[in-house]
Amino acid sequence: MVGPMSDAERRAGSQRLAVGFITLVGASAGIMALSGGATFVQAAAVTGAGLALGGALIWWLRWIS
């Protein structure tokens, strides 16, 4: 039988989910830029901006909860 999650397991799972979400937002921004005809440098800049915005969104979601 499986018992309840410990606090450490809950924090680790939350951290993995946050990292995955930030990566998804950043990667999708870069892919959208490339599909729109951006150069590699532009796509890299947009990916970085997407990662930053994803991090800001995670911070905001944790702040309001």
PDB file of N, CA and C in Angstrom:
ATOM      1  N   MET A   1       0.842  -1.176   0.000  1.00  0.00           N
ATOM      2  CA  MET A   1       0.000   0.000   0.000  1.00  0.00           C
ATOM      3  C   MET A   1       0.894   1.248   0.000  1.00  0.00           C
ATOM      4  N   VAL A   2       0.432   2.264  -0.656  1.00  0.00           N
ATOM      5  CA  VAL A   2       1.194   3.502  -0.761  1.00  0.00           C
ATOM      6  C   VAL A   2       0.702   4.467   0.306  1.00  0.00           C
ATOM      7  N   GLY A   3       1.643   5.043   1.040  1.00  0.00           N
ATOM      8  CA  GLY A   3       1.293   6.002   2.077  1.00  0.00           C
ATOM      9  C   GLY A   3       1.264   7.418   1.531  1.00  0.00           C
ATOM     10  N   PRO A   4       0.952   8.361   2.393  1.00  0.00           N
ATOM     11  CA  PRO A   4       0.921   9.764   1.961  1.00  0.00           C
ATOM     12  C   PRO A   4       2.325  10.270   1.630  1.00  0.00           C
ATOM     13  N   MET A   5       2.362  11.288   0.779  1.00  0.00           N
ATOM     14  CA  MET A   5       3.644  11.866   0.384  1.00  0.00           C
ATOM     15  C   MET A   5       4.245  12.648   1.547  1.00  0.00           C
ATOM     16  N   SER A   6       5.554  12.545   1.693  1.00  0.00           N
ATOM     17  CA  SER A   6       6.233  13.356   2.695  1.00  0.00           C
ATOM     18  C   SER A   6       6.403  14.776   2.162  1.00  0.00           C
ATOM     19  N   ASP A   7       6.758  15.699   3.042  1.00  0.00           N
ATOM     20  CA  ASP A   7       6.977  17.082   2.624  1.00  0.00           C
ATOM     21  C   ASP A   7       8.122  17.185   1.619  1.00  0.00           C
ATOM     22  N   ALA A   8       9.175  16.386   1.813  1.00  0.00           N
ATOM     23  CA  ALA A   8      10.316  16.410   0.890  1.00  0.00           C
ATOM     24  C   ALA A   8       9.905  15.922  -0.491  1.00  0.00           C
ATOM     25  N   GLU A   9       9.099  14.864  -0.539  1.00  0.00           N
ATOM     26  CA  GLU A   9       8.624  14.356  -1.828  1.00  0.00           C
ATOM     27  C   GLU A   9       7.718  15.379  -2.518  1.00  0.00           C
ATOM     28  N   ARG A  10       6.894  16.046  -1.737  1.00  0.00           N
ATOM     29  CA  ARG A  10       5.995  17.057  -2.295  1.00  0.00           C
ATOM     30  C   ARG A  10       6.784  18.236  -2.861  1.00  0.00           C
ATOM     31  N   ARG A  11       7.804  18.693  -2.133  1.00  0.00           N
ATOM     32  CA  ARG A  11       8.647  19.800  -2.620  1.00  0.00           C
ATOM     33  C   ARG A  11       9.408  19.397  -3.875  1.00  0.00           C
ATOM     34  N   ALA A  12       9.945  18.172  -3.901  1.00  0.00           N
ATOM     35  CA  ALA A  12      10.681  17.698  -5.076  1.00  0.00           C
ATOM     36  C   ALA A  12       9.763  17.609  -6.291  1.00  0.00           C
ATOM     37  N   GLY A  13       8.563  17.115  -6.110  1.00  0.00           N
ATOM     38  CA  GLY A  13       7.618  17.038  -7.209  1.00  0.00           C
ATOM     39  C   GLY A  13       7.202  18.407  -7.702  1.00  0.00           C
ATOM     40  N   SER A  14       6.999  19.329  -6.785  1.00  0.00           N
ATOM     41  CA  SER A  14       6.640  20.693  -7.165  1.00  0.00           C
ATOM     42  C   SER A  14       7.774  21.358  -7.929  1.00  0.00           C
ATOM     43  N   GLN A  15       9.005  21.119  -7.492  1.00  0.00           N
ATOM     44  CA  GLN A  15      10.167  21.692  -8.166  1.00  0.00           C
ATOM     45  C   GLN A  15      10.301  21.138  -9.590  1.00  0.00           C
ATOM     46  N   ARG A  16      10.108  19.838  -9.750  1.00  0.00           N
ATOM     47  CA  ARG A  16      10.183  19.228 -11.079  1.00  0.00           C
ATOM     48  C   ARG A  16       9.094  19.777 -11.995  1.00  0.00           C
ATOM     49  N   LEU A  17       7.900  19.938 -11.467  1.00  0.00           N
ATOM     50  CA  LEU A  17       6.801  20.479 -12.259  1.00  0.00           C
ATOM     51  C   LEU A  17       7.099  21.914 -12.687  1.00  0.00           C
ATOM     52  N   ALA A  18       7.652  22.717 -11.795  1.00  0.00           N
ATOM     53  CA  ALA A  18       7.990  24.107 -12.119  1.00  0.00           C
ATOM     54  C   ALA A  18       9.066  24.170 -13.194  1.00  0.00           C
ATOM     55  N   VAL A  19      10.102  23.367 -13.062  1.00  0.00           N
ATOM     56  CA  VAL A  19      11.178  23.358 -14.061  1.00  0.00           C
ATOM     57  C   VAL A  19      10.642  22.906 -15.413  1.00  0.00           C
ATOM     58  N   GLY A  20       9.796  21.900 -15.417  1.00  0.00           N
ATOM     59  CA  GLY A  20       9.200  21.437 -16.665  1.00  0.00           C
ATOM     60  C   GLY A  20       8.325  22.497 -17.311  1.00  0.00           C
ATOM     61  N   PHE A  21       7.564  23.221 -16.512  1.00  0.00           N
ATOM     62  CA  PHE A  21       6.703  24.270 -17.044  1.00  0.00           C
ATOM     63  C   PHE A  21       7.527  25.412 -17.630  1.00  0.00           C
ATOM     64  N   ILE A  22       8.569  25.825 -16.914  1.00  0.00           N
ATOM     65  CA  ILE A  22       9.435  26.901 -17.404  1.00  0.00           C
ATOM     66  C   ILE A  22      10.100  26.477 -18.719  1.00  0.00           C
ATOM     67  N   THR A  23      10.567  25.246 -18.781  1.00  0.00           N
ATOM     68  CA  THR A  23      11.198  24.733 -20.002  1.00  0.00           C
ATOM     69  C   THR A  23      10.198  24.699 -21.157  1.00  0.00           C
ATOM     70  N   LEU A  24       8.975  24.285 -20.877  1.00  0.00           N
ATOM     71  CA  LEU A  24       7.950  24.240 -21.908  1.00  0.00           C
ATOM     72  C   LEU A  24       7.641  25.632 -22.455  1.00  0.00           C
ATOM     73  N   VAL A  25       7.527  26.616 -21.583  1.00  0.00           N
ATOM     74  CA  VAL A  25       7.236  27.978 -22.028  1.00  0.00           C
ATOM     75  C   VAL A  25       8.394  28.519 -22.866  1.00  0.00           C
ATOM     76  N   GLY A  26       9.622  28.324 -22.401  1.00  0.00           N
ATOM     77  CA  GLY A  26      10.781  28.807 -23.152  1.00  0.00           C
ATOM     78  C   GLY A  26      10.939  28.134 -24.493  1.00  0.00           C
ATOM     79  N   ALA A  27      10.780  26.807 -24.517  1.00  0.00           N
ATOM     80  CA  ALA A  27      10.929  26.071 -25.774  1.00  0.00           C
ATOM     81  C   ALA A  27       9.838  26.449 -26.770  1.00  0.00           C
ATOM     82  N   SER A  28       8.617  26.608 -26.289  1.00  0.00           N
ATOM     83  CA  SER A  28       7.542  26.962 -27.217  1.00  0.00           C
ATOM     84  C   SER A  28       7.757  28.353 -27.788  1.00  0.00           C
ATOM     85  N   ALA A  29       8.295  29.265 -26.996  1.00  0.00           N
ATOM     86  CA  ALA A  29       8.585  30.602 -27.525  1.00  0.00           C
ATOM     87  C   ALA A  29       9.633  30.525 -28.627  1.00  0.00           C
ATOM     88  N   GLY A  30      10.685  29.745 -28.407  1.00  0.00           N
ATOM     89  CA  GLY A  30      11.720  29.593 -29.421  1.00  0.00           C
ATOM     90  C   GLY A  30      11.217  28.927 -30.684  1.00  0.00           C
ATOM     91  N   ILE A  31      10.389  27.910 -30.537  1.00  0.00           N
ATOM     92  CA  ILE A  31       9.839  27.215 -31.696  1.00  0.00           C
ATOM     93  C   ILE A  31       8.922  28.138 -32.489  1.00  0.00           C
ATOM     94  N   MET A  32       8.130  28.923 -31.792  1.00  0.00           N
ATOM     95  CA  MET A  32       7.259  29.879 -32.483  1.00  0.00           C
ATOM     96  C   MET A  32       8.092  30.913 -33.249  1.00  0.00           C
ATOM     97  N   ALA A  33       9.190  31.354 -32.653  1.00  0.00           N
ATOM     98  CA  ALA A  33      10.053  32.317 -33.337  1.00  0.00           C
ATOM     99  C   ALA A  33      10.664  31.702 -34.590  1.00  0.00           C
ATOM    100  N   LEU A  34      11.136  30.471 -34.482  1.00  0.00           N
ATOM    101  CA  LEU A  34      11.714  29.804 -35.647  1.00  0.00           C
ATOM    102  C   LEU A  34      10.669  29.562 -36.738  1.00  0.00           C
ATOM    103  N   SER A  35       9.472  29.212 -36.334  1.00  0.00           N
ATOM    104  CA  SER A  35       8.428  28.978 -37.333  1.00  0.00           C
ATOM    105  C   SER A  35       7.986  30.279 -37.996  1.00  0.00           C
ATOM    106  N   GLY A  36       8.248  31.401 -37.339  1.00  0.00           N
ATOM    107  CA  GLY A  36       7.934  32.696 -37.915  1.00  0.00           C
ATOM    108  C   GLY A  36       9.045  33.264 -38.774  1.00  0.00           C
ATOM    109  N   GLY A  37      10.146  32.527 -38.906  1.00  0.00           N
ATOM    110  CA  GLY A  37      11.230  32.959 -39.780  1.00  0.00           C
ATOM    111  C   GLY A  37      12.339  33.716 -39.079  1.00  0.00           C
ATOM    112  N   ALA A  38      12.436  33.587 -37.770  1.00  0.00           N
ATOM    113  CA  ALA A  38      13.494  34.281 -37.035  1.00  0.00           C
ATOM    114  C   ALA A  38      14.846  33.617 -37.279  1.00  0.00           C
ATOM    115  N   THR A  39      15.906  34.394 -37.131  1.00  0.00           N
ATOM    116  CA  THR A  39      17.256  33.835 -37.214  1.00  0.00           C
ATOM    117  C   THR A  39      17.547  33.065 -35.933  1.00  0.00           C
ATOM    118  N   PHE A  40      18.671  32.349 -35.921  1.00  0.00           N
ATOM    119  CA  PHE A  40      19.038  31.582 -34.734  1.00  0.00           C
ATOM    120  C   PHE A  40      19.254  32.495 -33.534  1.00  0.00           C
ATOM    121  N   VAL A  41      19.903  33.622 -33.748  1.00  0.00           N
ATOM    122  CA  VAL A  41      20.165  34.562 -32.644  1.00  0.00           C
ATOM    123  C   VAL A  41      18.851  35.120 -32.111  1.00  0.00           C
ATOM    124  N   GLN A  42      17.938  35.473 -32.999  1.00  0.00           N
ATOM    125  CA  GLN A  42      16.638  35.975 -32.560  1.00  0.00           C
ATOM    126  C   GLN A  42      15.858  34.901 -31.802  1.00  0.00           C
ATOM    127  N   ALA A  43      15.899  33.683 -32.304  1.00  0.00           N
ATOM    128  CA  ALA A  43      15.199  32.581 -31.638  1.00  0.00           C
ATOM    129  C   ALA A  43      15.800  32.313 -30.265  1.00  0.00           C
ATOM    130  N   ALA A  44      17.120  32.409 -30.154  1.00  0.00           N
ATOM    131  CA  ALA A  44      17.765  32.218 -28.854  1.00  0.00           C
ATOM    132  C   ALA A  44      17.347  33.314 -27.878  1.00  0.00           C
ATOM    133  N   ALA A  45      17.249  34.551 -28.361  1.00  0.00           N
ATOM    134  CA  ALA A  45      16.820  35.650 -27.503  1.00  0.00           C
ATOM    135  C   ALA A  45      15.368  35.465 -27.060  1.00  0.00           C
ATOM    136  N   VAL A  46      14.530  35.036 -27.973  1.00  0.00           N
ATOM    137  CA  VAL A  46      13.130  34.806 -27.634  1.00  0.00           C
ATOM    138  C   VAL A  46      13.004  33.629 -26.662  1.00  0.00           C
ATOM    139  N   THR A  47      13.818  32.605 -26.837  1.00  0.00           N
ATOM    140  CA  THR A  47      13.806  31.475 -25.912  1.00  0.00           C
ATOM    141  C   THR A  47      14.201  31.931 -24.513  1.00  0.00           C
ATOM    142  N   GLY A  48      15.244  32.753 -24.422  1.00  0.00           N
ATOM    143  CA  GLY A  48      15.650  33.297 -23.122  1.00  0.00           C
ATOM    144  C   GLY A  48      14.554  34.127 -22.490  1.00  0.00           C
ATOM    145  N   ALA A  49      13.894  34.944 -23.304  1.00  0.00           N
ATOM    146  CA  ALA A  49      12.783  35.746 -22.784  1.00  0.00           C
ATOM    147  C   ALA A  49      11.633  34.851 -22.334  1.00  0.00           C
ATOM    148  N   GLY A  50      11.378  33.789 -23.082  1.00  0.00           N
ATOM    149  CA  GLY A  50      10.335  32.850 -22.689  1.00  0.00           C
ATOM    150  C   GLY A  50      10.654  32.143 -21.384  1.00  0.00           C
ATOM    151  N   LEU A  51      11.915  31.783 -21.191  1.00  0.00           N
ATOM    152  CA  LEU A  51      12.324  31.164 -19.934  1.00  0.00           C
ATOM    153  C   LEU A  51      12.144  32.132 -18.769  1.00  0.00           C
ATOM    154  N   ALA A  52      12.502  33.394 -18.995  1.00  0.00           N
ATOM    155  CA  ALA A  52      12.337  34.400 -17.945  1.00  0.00           C
ATOM    156  C   ALA A  52      10.859  34.618 -17.628  1.00  0.00           C
ATOM    157  N   LEU A  53      10.033  34.696 -18.653  1.00  0.00           N
ATOM    158  CA  LEU A  53       8.601  34.878 -18.421  1.00  0.00           C
ATOM    159  C   LEU A  53       7.977  33.656 -17.747  1.00  0.00           C
ATOM    160  N   GLY A  54       8.433  32.468 -18.121  1.00  0.00           N
ATOM    161  CA  GLY A  54       7.955  31.259 -17.453  1.00  0.00           C
ATOM    162  C   GLY A  54       8.330  31.253 -15.984  1.00  0.00           C
ATOM    163  N   GLY A  55       9.555  31.680 -15.683  1.00  0.00           N
ATOM    164  CA  GLY A  55       9.974  31.782 -14.285  1.00  0.00           C
ATOM    165  C   GLY A  55       9.165  32.811 -13.522  1.00  0.00           C
ATOM    166  N   ALA A  56       8.872  33.938 -14.177  1.00  0.00           N
ATOM    167  CA  ALA A  56       8.061  34.972 -13.532  1.00  0.00           C
ATOM    168  C   ALA A  56       6.641  34.468 -13.277  1.00  0.00           C
ATOM    169  N   LEU A  57       6.109  33.696 -14.209  1.00  0.00           N
ATOM    170  CA  LEU A  57       4.770  33.147 -14.026  1.00  0.00           C
ATOM    171  C   LEU A  57       4.729  32.158 -12.868  1.00  0.00           C
ATOM    172  N   ILE A  58       5.734  31.301 -12.768  1.00  0.00           N
ATOM    173  CA  ILE A  58       5.802  30.360 -11.647  1.00  0.00           C
ATOM    174  C   ILE A  58       5.920  31.121 -10.328  1.00  0.00           C
ATOM    175  N   TRP A  59       6.767  32.154 -10.295  1.00  0.00           N
ATOM    176  CA  TRP A  59       6.907  32.962  -9.079  1.00  0.00           C
ATOM    177  C   TRP A  59       5.561  33.562  -8.692  1.00  0.00           C
ATOM    178  N   TRP A  60       4.834  34.129  -9.664  1.00  0.00           N
ATOM    179  CA  TRP A  60       3.564  34.759  -9.397  1.00  0.00           C
ATOM    180  C   TRP A  60       2.533  33.734  -8.897  1.00  0.00           C
ATOM    181  N   LEU A  61       2.510  32.561  -9.527  1.00  0.00           N
ATOM    182  CA  LEU A  61       1.565  31.529  -9.098  1.00  0.00           C
ATOM    183  C   LEU A  61       1.860  31.068  -7.673  1.00  0.00           C
ATOM    184  N   ARG A  62       3.124  30.961  -7.328  1.00  0.00           N
ATOM    185  CA  ARG A  62       3.457  30.585  -5.944  1.00  0.00           C
ATOM    186  C   ARG A  62       3.136  31.712  -4.974  1.00  0.00           C
ATOM    187  N   TRP A  63       3.263  32.961  -5.426  1.00  0.00           N
ATOM    188  CA  TRP A  63       3.003  34.103  -4.565  1.00  0.00           C
ATOM    189  C   TRP A  63       1.522  34.218  -4.225  1.00  0.00           C
ATOM    190  N   ILE A  64       0.655  33.946  -5.218  1.00  0.00           N
ATOM    191  CA  ILE A  64      -0.780  34.082  -4.957  1.00  0.00           C
ATOM    192  C   ILE A  64      -1.371  32.868  -4.249  1.00  0.00           C
ATOM    193  N   SER A  65      -0.643  31.764  -4.202  1.00  0.00           N
ATOM    194  CA  SER A  65      -1.199  30.573  -3.550  1.00  0.00           C
ATOM    195  C   SER A  65      -0.838  30.489  -2.084  1.00  0.00           C
TER     196      SER A  65
END
